[in-house]
Amino acid sequence: MQIPKDGIPDMEQIGELARVGLPQHYTLTSVRCSYGSDWPDFLPDDFEIVIEYQNHLDETLRGTMEDIEAYQRWAHALVQDIRGEWPPDSIRITFQERDRR
């Protein structure tokens, strides 16, 4: 399936969706779309939305059940919102946690 350029998700809109329900200990650092190898008038079928965030919890609190549940609530709701707007078979959604440097 080829996706016309106007069918590509708006990254600003995805960023707004990502801020809804964002756990207090997270900072959204980037929302971008990665495309396949080339895209003249249409995008190839392979592209993904990459959502980067930082987790500001102390190392000892990361990975606790509370941290995992906060991430799951946020990520699951965000994926559902994105998939509700754009065709599920045309998008991969990736979450990447970035180190605090």
C-alpha atoms as a PDB file:
ATOM      1  CA  MET A   1       0.000   0.000   0.000  1.00  0.00           C
ATOM      2  CA  GLN A   2       1.409   3.359  -1.028  1.00  0.00           C
ATOM      3  CA  ILE A   3       0.528   6.326   1.167  1.00  0.00           C
ATOM      4  CA  PRO A   4       0.072   9.779  -0.342  1.00  0.00           C
ATOM      5  CA  LYS A   5       2.077  12.561   1.295  1.00  0.00           C
ATOM      6  CA  ASP A   6      -1.090  14.115   2.696  1.00  0.00           C
ATOM      7  CA  GLY A   7      -1.782  10.827   4.506  1.00  0.00           C
ATOM      8  CA  ILE A   8       1.368  11.104   6.600  1.00  0.00           C
ATOM      9  CA  PRO A   9       0.704  11.865  10.258  1.00  0.00           C
ATOM     10  CA  ASP A  10       1.347  15.441  11.344  1.00  0.00           C
ATOM     11  CA  MET A  11       4.272  15.282  13.787  1.00  0.00           C
ATOM     12  CA  GLU A  12       3.065  18.363  15.680  1.00  0.00           C
ATOM     13  CA  GLN A  13      -0.290  16.676  16.198  1.00  0.00           C
ATOM     14  CA  ILE A  14       1.446  13.474  17.331  1.00  0.00           C
ATOM     15  CA  GLY A  15       3.514  15.571  19.760  1.00  0.00           C
ATOM     16  CA  GLU A  16       0.340  17.089  21.195  1.00  0.00           C
ATOM     17  CA  LEU A  17      -1.157  13.610  21.590  1.00  0.00           C
ATOM     18  CA  ALA A  18       2.078  12.411  23.241  1.00  0.00           C
ATOM     19  CA  ARG A  19       1.887  15.172  25.863  1.00  0.00           C
ATOM     20  CA  VAL A  20      -1.582  14.026  26.935  1.00  0.00           C
ATOM     21  CA  GLY A  21      -1.150  11.669  29.855  1.00  0.00           C
ATOM     22  CA  LEU A  22       2.651  11.998  29.776  1.00  0.00           C
ATOM     23  CA  PRO A  23       3.870  10.738  33.163  1.00  0.00           C
ATOM     24  CA  GLN A  24       5.155  13.571  35.367  1.00  0.00           C
ATOM     25  CA  HIS A  25       8.611  12.046  35.517  1.00  0.00           C
ATOM     26  CA  TYR A  26       8.961  11.981  31.702  1.00  0.00           C
ATOM     27  CA  THR A  27      10.017  14.700  29.299  1.00  0.00           C
ATOM     28  CA  LEU A  28       9.087  14.374  25.642  1.00  0.00           C
ATOM     29  CA  THR A  29      12.295  15.056  23.707  1.00  0.00           C
ATOM     30  CA  SER A  30      11.371  14.328  20.083  1.00  0.00           C
ATOM     31  CA  VAL A  31       8.611  13.117  17.806  1.00  0.00           C
ATOM     32  CA  ARG A  32       9.651  12.354  14.252  1.00  0.00           C
ATOM     33  CA  CYS A  33       8.771  10.261  11.262  1.00  0.00           C
ATOM     34  CA  SER A  34      11.411   7.990   9.740  1.00  0.00           C
ATOM     35  CA  TYR A  35      10.856   7.065   6.120  1.00  0.00           C
ATOM     36  CA  GLY A  36      12.025   4.199   3.946  1.00  0.00           C
ATOM     37  CA  SER A  37      14.825   4.543   1.419  1.00  0.00           C
ATOM     38  CA  ASP A  38      13.228   6.959  -1.059  1.00  0.00           C
ATOM     39  CA  TRP A  39       9.917   8.748  -1.561  1.00  0.00           C
ATOM     40  CA  PRO A  40       9.136  10.575  -4.774  1.00  0.00           C
ATOM     41  CA  ASP A  41       5.382  11.329  -4.954  1.00  0.00           C
ATOM     42  CA  PHE A  42       4.440   8.612  -2.501  1.00  0.00           C
ATOM     43  CA  LEU A  43       6.071   7.199   0.589  1.00  0.00           C
ATOM     44  CA  PRO A  44       7.103   3.603   0.567  1.00  0.00           C
ATOM     45  CA  ASP A  45       4.986   1.416   2.825  1.00  0.00           C
ATOM     46  CA  ASP A  46       7.651   1.360   5.505  1.00  0.00           C
ATOM     47  CA  PHE A  47       7.752   4.341   7.791  1.00  0.00           C
ATOM     48  CA  GLU A  48       7.545   4.772  11.503  1.00  0.00           C
ATOM     49  CA  ILE A  49       6.772   7.344  14.122  1.00  0.00           C
ATOM     50  CA  VAL A  50       9.584   7.598  16.656  1.00  0.00           C
ATOM     51  CA  ILE A  51       8.667   9.035  20.060  1.00  0.00           C
ATOM     52  CA  GLU A  52      11.648   9.862  22.255  1.00  0.00           C
ATOM     53  CA  TYR A  53      11.400  10.679  25.924  1.00  0.00           C
ATOM     54  CA  GLN A  54      13.528  10.972  29.038  1.00  0.00           C
ATOM     55  CA  ASN A  55      12.672   9.285  32.310  1.00  0.00           C
ATOM     56  CA  HIS A  56      13.720  11.506  35.223  1.00  0.00           C
ATOM     57  CA  LEU A  57      13.195   8.935  37.964  1.00  0.00           C
ATOM     58  CA  ASP A  58      16.161   8.033  40.096  1.00  0.00           C
ATOM     59  CA  GLU A  59      17.894   4.868  38.868  1.00  0.00           C
ATOM     60  CA  THR A  60      16.636   2.938  41.892  1.00  0.00           C
ATOM     61  CA  LEU A  61      12.994   3.773  41.034  1.00  0.00           C
ATOM     62  CA  ARG A  62      13.192   2.952  37.339  1.00  0.00           C
ATOM     63  CA  GLY A  63      11.650  -0.343  36.429  1.00  0.00           C
ATOM     64  CA  THR A  64       9.448  -0.454  39.502  1.00  0.00           C
ATOM     65  CA  MET A  65       5.873  -1.589  39.007  1.00  0.00           C
ATOM     66  CA  GLU A  66       4.678   2.028  39.365  1.00  0.00           C
ATOM     67  CA  ASP A  67       7.113   3.206  36.660  1.00  0.00           C
ATOM     68  CA  ILE A  68       6.171   0.362  34.307  1.00  0.00           C
ATOM     69  CA  GLU A  69       2.438   0.940  34.793  1.00  0.00           C
ATOM     70  CA  ALA A  70       2.798   4.696  34.151  1.00  0.00           C
ATOM     71  CA  TYR A  71       4.663   3.982  30.906  1.00  0.00           C
ATOM     72  CA  GLN A  72       2.129   1.372  29.793  1.00  0.00           C
ATOM     73  CA  ARG A  73      -0.876   3.643  30.446  1.00  0.00           C
ATOM     74  CA  TRP A  74       0.722   6.489  28.510  1.00  0.00           C
ATOM     75  CA  ALA A  75       2.132   4.447  25.606  1.00  0.00           C
ATOM     76  CA  HIS A  76      -0.985   2.318  25.129  1.00  0.00           C
ATOM     77  CA  ALA A  77      -3.311   5.345  25.058  1.00  0.00           C
ATOM     78  CA  LEU A  78      -0.983   7.158  22.656  1.00  0.00           C
ATOM     79  CA  VAL A  79      -0.773   4.206  20.265  1.00  0.00           C
ATOM     80  CA  GLN A  80      -4.574   3.911  20.292  1.00  0.00           C
ATOM     81  CA  ASP A  81      -4.936   7.646  19.527  1.00  0.00           C
ATOM     82  CA  ILE A  82      -2.442   7.467  16.659  1.00  0.00           C
ATOM     83  CA  ARG A  83      -4.002   4.335  15.183  1.00  0.00           C
ATOM     84  CA  GLY A  84      -7.443   5.925  15.431  1.00  0.00           C
ATOM     85  CA  GLU A  85      -6.303   8.739  13.129  1.00  0.00           C
ATOM     86  CA  TRP A  86      -4.080   6.907  10.618  1.00  0.00           C
ATOM     87  CA  PRO A  87      -4.272   3.459   9.026  1.00  0.00           C
ATOM     88  CA  PRO A  88      -2.725   0.865  11.355  1.00  0.00           C
ATOM     89  CA  ASP A  89      -1.121  -1.121   8.548  1.00  0.00           C
ATOM     90  CA  SER A  90       0.838   1.889   7.298  1.00  0.00           C
ATOM     91  CA  ILE A  91       2.615   2.947  10.499  1.00  0.00           C
ATOM     92  CA  ARG A  92       5.088   1.493  12.965  1.00  0.00           C
ATOM     93  CA  ILE A  93       5.288   3.284  16.311  1.00  0.00           C
ATOM     94  CA  THR A  94       8.512   3.181  18.288  1.00  0.00           C
ATOM     95  CA  PHE A  95       9.216   4.533  21.767  1.00  0.00           C
ATOM     96  CA  GLN A  96      12.826   5.321  22.663  1.00  0.00           C
ATOM     97  CA  GLU A  97      13.999   6.262  26.122  1.00  0.00           C
ATOM     98  CA  ARG A  98      16.962   8.645  26.043  1.00  0.00           C
ATOM     99  CA  ASP A  99      19.608   8.935  28.715  1.00  0.00           C
ATOM    100  CA  ARG A 100      19.785  12.085  30.817  1.00  0.00           C
ATOM    101  CA  ARG A 101      23.156  13.505  29.890  1.00  0.00           C
END
